[in-house]
Amino acid sequence: MKASFLTVRVGKEAFTASQALAACTTEQIVGPVCDAPPMIVVFDAELWVWDARRGETWTFVSLPRDISEEIREITDGPRRGFGAVRVQVGIGGSRWKTSIFPDSQRGAYVLPVKKAVREAEGIEEGDVAKVTVELIDR
């Protein structure tokens, strides 16, 4: 999977979102960067199906492990049910708000892709989609 990270620039220096947030919390940097810059990542991911219960299936994409690790660092602390982190997502022309969930077997967060989005974008299990994820929770 190919991923691109948001880079925060302060003068001539560049930081990843987690580095900028860490610097803000330790007061190494002050100013606009400490206004919690959004973490926005773009990556390609294959859609896969999890058989939840008899007759129920859910379709997901897995976030890359390195991005998942960065999200864990940024959102460290008490989480919503199942460790969920609220996000805004884009695939193709579709945009929606949902949550990502940690998956210990994959070592990454997983993102549910609802049927309406799959139909609108003409994607299904096994297809690779370009996904944009922006953290809402910090």
C-alpha atoms as a PDB file:
ATOM      1  CA  MET A   1       0.000   0.000   0.000  1.00  0.00           C
ATOM      2  CA  LYS A   2       1.223   3.469  -0.875  1.00  0.00           C
ATOM      3  CA  ALA A   3       0.566   6.214   1.665  1.00  0.00           C
ATOM      4  CA  SER A   4       1.147   9.912   1.860  1.00  0.00           C
ATOM      5  CA  PHE A   5       1.274  11.814   5.131  1.00  0.00           C
ATOM      6  CA  LEU A   6       0.357  15.342   6.029  1.00  0.00           C
ATOM      7  CA  THR A   7       3.518  17.321   6.657  1.00  0.00           C
ATOM      8  CA  VAL A   8       3.354  20.371   8.872  1.00  0.00           C
ATOM      9  CA  ARG A   9       5.872  23.101   8.075  1.00  0.00           C
ATOM     10  CA  VAL A  10       7.197  25.569  10.649  1.00  0.00           C
ATOM     11  CA  GLY A  11       9.567  27.930   8.953  1.00  0.00           C
ATOM     12  CA  LYS A  12      12.005  25.738   7.039  1.00  0.00           C
ATOM     13  CA  GLU A  13      11.398  22.676   9.238  1.00  0.00           C
ATOM     14  CA  ALA A  14       8.911  19.932   8.365  1.00  0.00           C
ATOM     15  CA  PHE A  15       7.176  17.657  10.856  1.00  0.00           C
ATOM     16  CA  THR A  16       4.777  14.739  10.639  1.00  0.00           C
ATOM     17  CA  ALA A  17       1.444  15.348  12.340  1.00  0.00           C
ATOM     18  CA  SER A  18       2.454  13.283  15.396  1.00  0.00           C
ATOM     19  CA  GLN A  19       5.802  15.125  15.718  1.00  0.00           C
ATOM     20  CA  ALA A  20       4.020  18.482  15.555  1.00  0.00           C
ATOM     21  CA  LEU A  21       1.438  17.387  18.124  1.00  0.00           C
ATOM     22  CA  ALA A  22       4.170  16.031  20.435  1.00  0.00           C
ATOM     23  CA  ALA A  23       6.099  19.293  20.128  1.00  0.00           C
ATOM     24  CA  CYS A  24       2.962  21.258  20.988  1.00  0.00           C
ATOM     25  CA  THR A  25       2.255  19.177  24.079  1.00  0.00           C
ATOM     26  CA  THR A  26       5.847  19.600  25.311  1.00  0.00           C
ATOM     27  CA  GLU A  27       5.804  23.333  24.431  1.00  0.00           C
ATOM     28  CA  GLN A  28       8.737  23.030  21.996  1.00  0.00           C
ATOM     29  CA  ILE A  29       6.736  24.814  19.312  1.00  0.00           C
ATOM     30  CA  VAL A  30       4.175  27.538  19.763  1.00  0.00           C
ATOM     31  CA  GLY A  31       1.971  29.169  17.199  1.00  0.00           C
ATOM     32  CA  PRO A  32      -0.332  28.008  14.423  1.00  0.00           C
ATOM     33  CA  VAL A  33       1.060  24.466  14.244  1.00  0.00           C
ATOM     34  CA  CYS A  34      -0.162  23.884  17.800  1.00  0.00           C
ATOM     35  CA  ASP A  35      -3.720  24.553  16.756  1.00  0.00           C
ATOM     36  CA  ALA A  36      -4.004  20.779  16.162  1.00  0.00           C
ATOM     37  CA  PRO A  37      -3.347  20.520  12.438  1.00  0.00           C
ATOM     38  CA  PRO A  38      -5.569  17.986  10.743  1.00  0.00           C
ATOM     39  CA  MET A  39      -4.116  14.569  10.068  1.00  0.00           C
ATOM     40  CA  ILE A  40      -5.056  13.681   6.527  1.00  0.00           C
ATOM     41  CA  VAL A  41      -3.725  10.545   4.865  1.00  0.00           C
ATOM     42  CA  VAL A  42      -4.243   9.208   1.367  1.00  0.00           C
ATOM     43  CA  PHE A  43      -3.532   5.581   0.512  1.00  0.00           C
ATOM     44  CA  ASP A  44      -4.538   2.766  -1.828  1.00  0.00           C
ATOM     45  CA  ALA A  45      -6.255  -0.212  -0.182  1.00  0.00           C
ATOM     46  CA  GLU A  46      -7.992  -3.408  -1.246  1.00  0.00           C
ATOM     47  CA  LEU A  47     -11.585  -3.938  -0.131  1.00  0.00           C
ATOM     48  CA  TRP A  48     -12.120  -7.126   1.878  1.00  0.00           C
ATOM     49  CA  VAL A  49     -15.125  -8.771   3.511  1.00  0.00           C
ATOM     50  CA  TRP A  50     -15.520  -9.867   7.119  1.00  0.00           C
ATOM     51  CA  ASP A  51     -18.301 -12.361   7.797  1.00  0.00           C
ATOM     52  CA  ALA A  52     -19.741 -10.907  10.973  1.00  0.00           C
ATOM     53  CA  ARG A  53     -22.565 -13.340  11.663  1.00  0.00           C
ATOM     54  CA  ARG A  54     -24.688 -15.730   9.723  1.00  0.00           C
ATOM     55  CA  GLY A  55     -26.142 -13.764   6.836  1.00  0.00           C
ATOM     56  CA  GLU A  56     -24.247 -10.547   7.658  1.00  0.00           C
ATOM     57  CA  THR A  57     -21.105  -9.338   5.938  1.00  0.00           C
ATOM     58  CA  TRP A  58     -19.159  -6.131   6.332  1.00  0.00           C
ATOM     59  CA  THR A  59     -16.760  -4.637   3.789  1.00  0.00           C
ATOM     60  CA  PHE A  60     -13.591  -2.911   4.984  1.00  0.00           C
ATOM     61  CA  VAL A  61     -10.269  -1.500   3.911  1.00  0.00           C
ATOM     62  CA  SER A  62      -7.241  -1.712   6.191  1.00  0.00           C
ATOM     63  CA  LEU A  63      -5.201   1.390   6.859  1.00  0.00           C
ATOM     64  CA  PRO A  64      -1.452   0.875   6.375  1.00  0.00           C
ATOM     65  CA  ARG A  65       0.327  -0.173   9.573  1.00  0.00           C
ATOM     66  CA  ASP A  66       2.598   2.889   9.663  1.00  0.00           C
ATOM     67  CA  ILE A  67      -0.392   5.211   9.399  1.00  0.00           C
ATOM     68  CA  SER A  68      -2.226   3.181  12.057  1.00  0.00           C
ATOM     69  CA  GLU A  69       0.744   3.547  14.396  1.00  0.00           C
ATOM     70  CA  GLU A  70       0.774   7.298  13.871  1.00  0.00           C
ATOM     71  CA  ILE A  71      -2.973   7.475  14.585  1.00  0.00           C
ATOM     72  CA  ARG A  72      -2.470   5.448  17.791  1.00  0.00           C
ATOM     73  CA  GLU A  73       0.201   7.951  18.902  1.00  0.00           C
ATOM     74  CA  ILE A  74      -1.949  10.981  18.141  1.00  0.00           C
ATOM     75  CA  THR A  75      -5.146   9.604  19.695  1.00  0.00           C
ATOM     76  CA  ASP A  76      -3.522   7.992  22.738  1.00  0.00           C
ATOM     77  CA  GLY A  77      -5.971   7.907  25.620  1.00  0.00           C
ATOM     78  CA  PRO A  78      -9.538   6.810  26.318  1.00  0.00           C
ATOM     79  CA  ARG A  79     -11.443   5.955  23.135  1.00  0.00           C
ATOM     80  CA  ARG A  80     -15.020   5.358  22.125  1.00  0.00           C
ATOM     81  CA  GLY A  81     -16.496   1.848  22.034  1.00  0.00           C
ATOM     82  CA  PHE A  82     -14.228  -0.817  20.517  1.00  0.00           C
ATOM     83  CA  GLY A  83     -11.360   1.726  20.437  1.00  0.00           C
ATOM     84  CA  ALA A  84     -13.058   3.659  17.634  1.00  0.00           C
ATOM     85  CA  VAL A  85     -11.623   6.889  16.237  1.00  0.00           C
ATOM     86  CA  ARG A  86     -13.971   9.248  14.376  1.00  0.00           C
ATOM     87  CA  VAL A  87     -12.891  10.168  10.847  1.00  0.00           C
ATOM     88  CA  GLN A  88     -14.069  11.854   7.677  1.00  0.00           C
ATOM     89  CA  VAL A  89     -13.488   9.661   4.636  1.00  0.00           C
ATOM     90  CA  GLY A  90     -13.382  10.063   0.889  1.00  0.00           C
ATOM     91  CA  ILE A  91     -13.369   7.456  -1.855  1.00  0.00           C
ATOM     92  CA  GLY A  92     -13.840   8.809  -5.369  1.00  0.00           C
ATOM     93  CA  GLY A  93     -16.624  11.403  -5.218  1.00  0.00           C
ATOM     94  CA  SER A  94     -18.144   9.968  -2.011  1.00  0.00           C
ATOM     95  CA  ARG A  95     -17.533  11.670   1.363  1.00  0.00           C
ATOM     96  CA  TRP A  96     -18.862  10.580   4.746  1.00  0.00           C
ATOM     97  CA  LYS A  97     -18.148  10.523   8.477  1.00  0.00           C
ATOM     98  CA  THR A  98     -17.620   7.216  10.247  1.00  0.00           C
ATOM     99  CA  SER A  99     -15.163   5.564  12.634  1.00  0.00           C
ATOM    100  CA  ILE A 100     -12.094   3.419  12.180  1.00  0.00           C
ATOM    101  CA  PHE A 101     -11.496   0.484  14.508  1.00  0.00           C
ATOM    102  CA  PRO A 102      -8.299  -1.207  15.703  1.00  0.00           C
ATOM    103  CA  ASP A 103      -7.845  -4.761  14.418  1.00  0.00           C
ATOM    104  CA  SER A 104      -5.280  -6.635  16.507  1.00  0.00           C
ATOM    105  CA  GLN A 105      -4.996  -9.449  13.946  1.00  0.00           C
ATOM    106  CA  ARG A 106      -3.978  -7.027  11.185  1.00  0.00           C
ATOM    107  CA  GLY A 107      -2.057  -4.670  13.463  1.00  0.00           C
ATOM    108  CA  ALA A 108      -3.883  -1.762  11.841  1.00  0.00           C
ATOM    109  CA  TYR A 109      -7.077   0.243  11.899  1.00  0.00           C
ATOM    110  CA  VAL A 110      -9.878  -0.910   9.629  1.00  0.00           C
ATOM    111  CA  LEU A 111     -12.424   1.294   7.899  1.00  0.00           C
ATOM    112  CA  PRO A 112     -15.936   0.055   7.089  1.00  0.00           C
ATOM    113  CA  VAL A 113     -17.060   0.952   3.562  1.00  0.00           C
ATOM    114  CA  LYS A 114     -20.841   1.021   3.428  1.00  0.00           C
ATOM    115  CA  LYS A 115     -22.857  -0.445   0.584  1.00  0.00           C
ATOM    116  CA  ALA A 116     -24.104   2.939  -0.657  1.00  0.00           C
ATOM    117  CA  VAL A 117     -20.504   4.097  -1.163  1.00  0.00           C
ATOM    118  CA  ARG A 118     -19.444   0.860  -2.875  1.00  0.00           C
ATOM    119  CA  GLU A 119     -22.408   1.105  -5.262  1.00  0.00           C
ATOM    120  CA  ALA A 120     -21.864   4.816  -5.958  1.00  0.00           C
ATOM    121  CA  GLU A 121     -18.174   4.242  -6.715  1.00  0.00           C
ATOM    122  CA  GLY A 122     -18.624   0.926  -8.531  1.00  0.00           C
ATOM    123  CA  ILE A 123     -16.234  -0.941  -6.228  1.00  0.00           C
ATOM    124  CA  GLU A 124     -16.492  -4.345  -4.566  1.00  0.00           C
ATOM    125  CA  GLU A 125     -14.452  -6.908  -2.640  1.00  0.00           C
ATOM    126  CA  GLY A 126     -10.985  -7.319  -4.155  1.00  0.00           C
ATOM    127  CA  ASP A 127     -10.944  -3.899  -5.843  1.00  0.00           C
ATOM    128  CA  VAL A 128      -8.305  -1.348  -4.849  1.00  0.00           C
ATOM    129  CA  ALA A 129      -9.543   2.134  -3.965  1.00  0.00           C
ATOM    130  CA  LYS A 130      -7.752   5.415  -3.264  1.00  0.00           C
ATOM    131  CA  VAL A 131      -8.885   6.368   0.244  1.00  0.00           C
ATOM    132  CA  THR A 132      -8.592   9.714   2.014  1.00  0.00           C
ATOM    133  CA  VAL A 133      -8.951   9.680   5.810  1.00  0.00           C
ATOM    134  CA  GLU A 134      -9.019  12.751   8.031  1.00  0.00           C
ATOM    135  CA  LEU A 135      -9.033  12.367  11.805  1.00  0.00           C
ATOM    136  CA  ILE A 136     -11.892  14.131  13.570  1.00  0.00           C
ATOM    137  CA  ASP A 137     -10.940  12.873  17.057  1.00  0.00           C
ATOM    138  CA  ARG A 138      -7.687  14.053  18.612  1.00  0.00           C
END
